[in-house]
PDB file of N, CA and C in Angstrom:
ATOM      1  N   MET A   1      -1.214  16.584  -5.395  1.00  0.00           N
ATOM      2  CA  MET A   1      -0.833  15.186  -5.103  1.00  0.00           C
ATOM      3  C   MET A   1      -0.194  14.897  -6.395  1.00  0.00           C
ATOM      4  N   VAL A   2       0.306  13.611  -6.376  1.00  0.00           N
ATOM      5  CA  VAL A   2       1.146  12.705  -7.629  1.00  0.00           C
ATOM      6  C   VAL A   2       0.913  11.487  -6.901  1.00  0.00           C
ATOM      7  N   ILE A   3       0.219  10.637  -8.229  1.00  0.00           N
ATOM      8  CA  ILE A   3      -0.031   9.265  -7.475  1.00  0.00           C
ATOM      9  C   ILE A   3       0.601   8.513  -9.121  1.00  0.00           C
ATOM     10  N   VAL A   4       1.213   7.560  -8.856  1.00  0.00           N
ATOM     11  CA  VAL A   4       2.000   7.139 -10.128  1.00  0.00           C
ATOM     12  C   VAL A   4       2.183   5.336  -9.783  1.00  0.00           C
ATOM     13  N   VAL A   5       1.737   4.330 -10.674  1.00  0.00           N
ATOM     14  CA  VAL A   5       2.430   3.270 -10.858  1.00  0.00           C
ATOM     15  C   VAL A   5       3.516   3.012 -10.545  1.00  0.00           C
ATOM     16  N   SER A   6       4.472   2.651  -9.580  1.00  0.00           N
ATOM     17  CA  SER A   6       5.806   2.560  -8.763  1.00  0.00           C
ATOM     18  C   SER A   6       6.588   1.313  -9.315  1.00  0.00           C
ATOM     19  N   ALA A   7       5.511   0.118  -9.050  1.00  0.00           N
ATOM     20  CA  ALA A   7       6.238  -0.970  -9.827  1.00  0.00           C
ATOM     21  C   ALA A   7       5.068  -2.418 -10.135  1.00  0.00           C
ATOM     22  N   LEU A   8       5.725  -3.202 -10.945  1.00  0.00           N
ATOM     23  CA  LEU A   8       4.917  -4.027 -11.142  1.00  0.00           C
ATOM     24  C   LEU A   8       5.365  -5.344 -10.761  1.00  0.00           C
ATOM     25  N   ALA A   9       4.969  -5.628  -9.358  1.00  0.00           N
ATOM     26  CA  ALA A   9       5.648  -6.611  -8.424  1.00  0.00           C
ATOM     27  C   ALA A   9       5.294  -8.088  -9.108  1.00  0.00           C
ATOM     28  N   ASP A  10       5.828  -9.040  -7.963  1.00  0.00           N
ATOM     29  CA  ASP A  10       5.502 -10.296  -8.427  1.00  0.00           C
ATOM     30  C   ASP A  10       3.485 -10.484  -7.883  1.00  0.00           C
ATOM     31  N   SER A  11       3.225 -10.060  -6.808  1.00  0.00           N
ATOM     32  CA  SER A  11       2.202 -10.224  -6.958  1.00  0.00           C
ATOM     33  C   SER A  11       1.484  -9.284  -6.643  1.00  0.00           C
ATOM     34  N   SER A  12       1.675  -7.729  -6.844  1.00  0.00           N
ATOM     35  CA  SER A  12       0.823  -6.381  -6.765  1.00  0.00           C
ATOM     36  C   SER A  12       1.550  -5.061  -7.557  1.00  0.00           C
ATOM     37  N   VAL A  13       0.472  -4.383  -7.940  1.00  0.00           N
ATOM     38  CA  VAL A  13       0.702  -3.434  -8.722  1.00  0.00           C
ATOM     39  C   VAL A  13       1.522  -2.381  -7.577  1.00  0.00           C
ATOM     40  N   ASN A  14       2.209  -1.816  -7.087  1.00  0.00           N
ATOM     41  CA  ASN A  14       2.553  -0.673  -6.242  1.00  0.00           C
ATOM     42  C   ASN A  14       2.413   0.734  -6.766  1.00  0.00           C
ATOM     43  N   PHE A  15       1.928   1.741  -6.055  1.00  0.00           N
ATOM     44  CA  PHE A  15       1.739   3.219  -6.358  1.00  0.00           C
ATOM     45  C   PHE A  15       2.828   4.046  -5.337  1.00  0.00           C
ATOM     46  N   ALA A  16       3.019   4.805  -5.547  1.00  0.00           N
ATOM     47  CA  ALA A  16       3.640   5.970  -4.864  1.00  0.00           C
ATOM     48  C   ALA A  16       2.959   6.705  -5.180  1.00  0.00           C
ATOM     49  N   VAL A  17       2.451   7.573  -3.775  1.00  0.00           N
ATOM     50  CA  VAL A  17       1.715   8.726  -3.481  1.00  0.00           C
ATOM     51  C   VAL A  17       2.536   9.609  -2.570  1.00  0.00           C
ATOM     52  N   ARG A  18       2.573  10.742  -3.589  1.00  0.00           N
ATOM     53  CA  ARG A  18       3.087  11.863  -2.869  1.00  0.00           C
ATOM     54  C   ARG A  18       2.033  13.314  -2.414  1.00  0.00           C
ATOM     55  N   ALA A  19       2.221  13.799  -1.429  1.00  0.00           N
ATOM     56  CA  ALA A  19       1.431  14.866  -1.345  1.00  0.00           C
ATOM     57  C   ALA A  19       2.313  16.159  -0.628  1.00  0.00           C
ATOM     58  N   TRP A  20       1.849  16.788  -1.091  1.00  0.00           N
ATOM     59  CA  TRP A  20       2.867  18.305  -0.146  1.00  0.00           C
ATOM     60  C   TRP A  20       2.279  18.964   0.965  1.00  0.00           C
ATOM     61  N   VAL A  21       2.811  18.458   1.775  1.00  0.00           N
ATOM     62  CA  VAL A  21       2.567  19.423   3.031  1.00  0.00           C
ATOM     63  C   VAL A  21       3.613  19.798   3.788  1.00  0.00           C
ATOM     64  N   GLU A  22       3.032  20.928   4.887  1.00  0.00           N
ATOM     65  CA  GLU A  22       4.067  21.421   5.634  1.00  0.00           C
ATOM     66  C   GLU A  22       4.607  20.474   6.533  1.00  0.00           C
ATOM     67  N   SER A  23       5.971  20.433   6.589  1.00  0.00           N
ATOM     68  CA  SER A  23       7.125  19.610   7.436  1.00  0.00           C
ATOM     69  C   SER A  23       6.707  19.298   8.441  1.00  0.00           C
ATOM     70  N   SER A  24       6.033  19.953   9.199  1.00  0.00           N
ATOM     71  CA  SER A  24       5.230  19.912  10.360  1.00  0.00           C
ATOM     72  C   SER A  24       4.099  18.746  10.621  1.00  0.00           C
ATOM     73  N   ASP A  25       3.722  18.820   9.180  1.00  0.00           N
ATOM     74  CA  ASP A  25       2.216  18.087   9.308  1.00  0.00           C
ATOM     75  C   ASP A  25       2.683  16.571   8.747  1.00  0.00           C
ATOM     76  N   TYR A  26       4.241  16.426   7.865  1.00  0.00           N
ATOM     77  CA  TYR A  26       3.915  15.046   7.732  1.00  0.00           C
ATOM     78  C   TYR A  26       3.816  14.103   7.865  1.00  0.00           C
ATOM     79  N   TRP A  27       4.361  13.344   9.232  1.00  0.00           N
ATOM     80  CA  TRP A  27       3.794  12.334   9.690  1.00  0.00           C
ATOM     81  C   TRP A  27       2.500  11.883   9.886  1.00  0.00           C
ATOM     82  N   GLY A  28       1.488  12.687  10.516  1.00  0.00           N
ATOM     83  CA  GLY A  28       0.377  13.013  10.846  1.00  0.00           C
ATOM     84  C   GLY A  28      -0.024  12.966   9.238  1.00  0.00           C
ATOM     85  N   VAL A  29       0.110  13.523   8.490  1.00  0.00           N
ATOM     86  CA  VAL A  29      -0.519  13.185   7.215  1.00  0.00           C
ATOM     87  C   VAL A  29      -0.114  11.620   6.652  1.00  0.00           C
ATOM     88  N   PHE A  30       1.201  11.416   6.790  1.00  0.00           N
ATOM     89  CA  PHE A  30       1.488  10.167   6.430  1.00  0.00           C
ATOM     90  C   PHE A  30       0.790   8.718   7.088  1.00  0.00           C
ATOM     91  N   PHE A  31       0.739   9.060   8.088  1.00  0.00           N
ATOM     92  CA  PHE A  31      -0.038   8.018   9.244  1.00  0.00           C
ATOM     93  C   PHE A  31      -1.507   7.881   8.670  1.00  0.00           C
ATOM     94  N   ASP A  32      -2.035   9.280   8.272  1.00  0.00           N
ATOM     95  CA  ASP A  32      -3.805   9.563   8.368  1.00  0.00           C
ATOM     96  C   ASP A  32      -4.037   8.852   6.613  1.00  0.00           C
ATOM     97  N   MET A  33      -3.457   9.011   5.367  1.00  0.00           N
ATOM     98  CA  MET A  33      -3.351   8.276   4.673  1.00  0.00           C
ATOM     99  C   MET A  33      -2.922   7.040   4.740  1.00  0.00           C
ATOM    100  N   ASN A  34      -2.015   6.517   4.593  1.00  0.00           N
ATOM    101  CA  ASN A  34      -2.383   4.953   5.312  1.00  0.00           C
ATOM    102  C   ASN A  34      -3.567   4.362   5.626  1.00  0.00           C
ATOM    103  N   GLU A  35      -3.761   4.990   6.783  1.00  0.00           N
ATOM    104  CA  GLU A  35      -4.788   4.053   7.521  1.00  0.00           C
ATOM    105  C   GLU A  35      -5.970   4.449   6.763  1.00  0.00           C
ATOM    106  N   ASN A  36      -6.558   5.434   5.967  1.00  0.00           N
ATOM    107  CA  ASN A  36      -7.754   5.883   5.014  1.00  0.00           C
ATOM    108  C   ASN A  36      -7.500   5.058   3.498  1.00  0.00           C
ATOM    109  N   VAL A  37      -6.146   4.849   3.466  1.00  0.00           N
ATOM    110  CA  VAL A  37      -6.086   4.071   2.096  1.00  0.00           C
ATOM    111  C   VAL A  37      -6.710   2.511   2.574  1.00  0.00           C
ATOM    112  N   TYR A  38      -6.393   1.585   3.536  1.00  0.00           N
ATOM    113  CA  TYR A  38      -6.774   0.284   4.226  1.00  0.00           C
ATOM    114  C   TYR A  38      -7.801   0.289   4.509  1.00  0.00           C
ATOM    115  N   LYS A  39      -8.938   1.413   4.939  1.00  0.00           N
ATOM    116  CA  LYS A  39      -9.981   1.476   5.615  1.00  0.00           C
ATOM    117  C   LYS A  39     -10.343   1.632   3.835  1.00  0.00           C
ATOM    118  N   THR A  40     -10.407   2.097   2.936  1.00  0.00           N
ATOM    119  CA  THR A  40     -11.159   2.218   1.955  1.00  0.00           C
ATOM    120  C   THR A  40     -10.942   1.173   0.821  1.00  0.00           C
ATOM    121  N   PHE A  41      -9.840   0.791   0.965  1.00  0.00           N
ATOM    122  CA  PHE A  41      -9.300  -0.552   0.191  1.00  0.00           C
ATOM    123  C   PHE A  41     -10.253  -1.856   0.420  1.00  0.00           C
ATOM    124  N   ALA A  42     -10.640  -1.782   2.251  1.00  0.00           N
ATOM    125  CA  ALA A  42     -11.220  -3.078   2.805  1.00  0.00           C
ATOM    126  C   ALA A  42     -12.824  -2.610   2.282  1.00  0.00           C
ATOM    127  N   LYS A  43     -13.463  -1.595   2.436  1.00  0.00           N
ATOM    128  CA  LYS A  43     -14.435  -0.852   2.559  1.00  0.00           C
ATOM    129  C   LYS A  43     -15.121  -1.644   1.096  1.00  0.00           C
ATOM    130  N   GLU A  44     -14.063  -1.276  -0.270  1.00  0.00           N
ATOM    131  CA  GLU A  44     -13.950  -1.625  -1.445  1.00  0.00           C
ATOM    132  C   GLU A  44     -14.512  -3.032  -1.608  1.00  0.00           C
ATOM    133  N   GLY A  45     -13.625  -3.893  -0.955  1.00  0.00           N
ATOM    134  CA  GLY A  45     -13.228  -5.233  -1.234  1.00  0.00           C
ATOM    135  C   GLY A  45     -11.963  -5.509  -1.854  1.00  0.00           C
ATOM    136  N   LEU A  46     -11.130  -4.637  -1.792  1.00  0.00           N
ATOM    137  CA  LEU A  46      -9.788  -5.020  -2.061  1.00  0.00           C
ATOM    138  C   LEU A  46      -8.754  -5.213  -1.019  1.00  0.00           C
ATOM    139  N   HIS A  47      -7.778  -6.258  -1.700  1.00  0.00           N
ATOM    140  CA  HIS A  47      -6.855  -7.146  -0.310  1.00  0.00           C
ATOM    141  C   HIS A  47      -5.541  -6.599  -0.764  1.00  0.00           C
ATOM    142  N   ILE A  48      -4.773  -6.503   0.457  1.00  0.00           N
ATOM    143  CA  ILE A  48      -3.492  -5.994  -0.106  1.00  0.00           C
ATOM    144  C   ILE A  48      -2.567  -7.329  -0.014  1.00  0.00           C
ATOM    145  N   PRO A  49      -1.808  -7.734  -1.126  1.00  0.00           N
ATOM    146  CA  PRO A  49      -1.366  -8.938  -0.804  1.00  0.00           C
ATOM    147  C   PRO A  49      -0.263  -9.037   0.167  1.00  0.00           C
ATOM    148  N   PHE A  50       0.075  -9.882   0.295  1.00  0.00           N
ATOM    149  CA  PHE A  50       0.949 -10.664   1.341  1.00  0.00           C
ATOM    150  C   PHE A  50       1.887 -11.515   0.093  1.00  0.00           C
ATOM    151  N   PRO A  51       3.658 -11.869   0.592  1.00  0.00           N
ATOM    152  CA  PRO A  51       4.535 -12.770   0.206  1.00  0.00           C
ATOM    153  C   PRO A  51       3.965 -14.015   0.723  1.00  0.00           C
ATOM    154  N   GLN A  52       3.717 -14.966   0.421  1.00  0.00           N
ATOM    155  CA  GLN A  52       3.421 -16.371   0.539  1.00  0.00           C
ATOM    156  C   GLN A  52       4.459 -17.831  -0.288  1.00  0.00           C
ATOM    157  N   MET A  53       4.363 -18.472   0.160  1.00  0.00           N
ATOM    158  CA  MET A  53       5.962 -19.588  -0.175  1.00  0.00           C
ATOM    159  C   MET A  53       4.802 -20.644   0.251  1.00  0.00           C
ATOM    160  N   ASP A  54       4.943 -21.769  -0.804  1.00  0.00           N
ATOM    161  CA  ASP A  54       4.200 -22.966  -0.629  1.00  0.00           C
ATOM    162  C   ASP A  54       5.227 -24.033  -0.532  1.00  0.00           C
ATOM    163  N   VAL A  55       5.168 -24.651   0.504  1.00  0.00           N
ATOM    164  CA  VAL A  55       5.835 -25.779   0.981  1.00  0.00           C
ATOM    165  C   VAL A  55       5.812 -27.085   0.687  1.00  0.00           C
ATOM    166  N   HIS A  56       6.468 -27.866  -0.145  1.00  0.00           N
ATOM    167  CA  HIS A  56       5.716 -29.237  -0.848  1.00  0.00           C
ATOM    168  C   HIS A  56       7.180 -30.317  -0.308  1.00  0.00           C
ATOM    169  N   VAL A  57       6.750 -31.254   0.820  1.00  0.00           N
ATOM    170  CA  VAL A  57       7.489 -32.070   1.555  1.00  0.00           C
ATOM    171  C   VAL A  57       7.515 -33.368   0.888  1.00  0.00           C
ATOM    172  N   HIS A  58       8.520 -33.515   0.612  1.00  0.00           N
ATOM    173  CA  HIS A  58       8.315 -35.280  -0.282  1.00  0.00           C
ATOM    174  C   HIS A  58       9.195 -36.351   0.173  1.00  0.00           C
ATOM    175  N   LYS A  59       8.627 -37.218   0.649  1.00  0.00           N
ATOM    176  CA  LYS A  59       9.486 -38.286   1.538  1.00  0.00           C
ATOM    177  C   LYS A  59      10.299 -39.067   0.518  1.00  0.00           C
TER     178      LYS A  59
END
């Protein structure tokens, strides 16, 4: 498995995770890894950032 920092974005640090699996197992591993990362982050109190924009209206 390879884990690297792929980008330092505006509101996040993006990681790329690459695991070597059989082609027939690819999608199962892909979705299981995403779900496990999401659940582990939540359990550890980490939040996935999302883009947001503040709009100020002046009269």
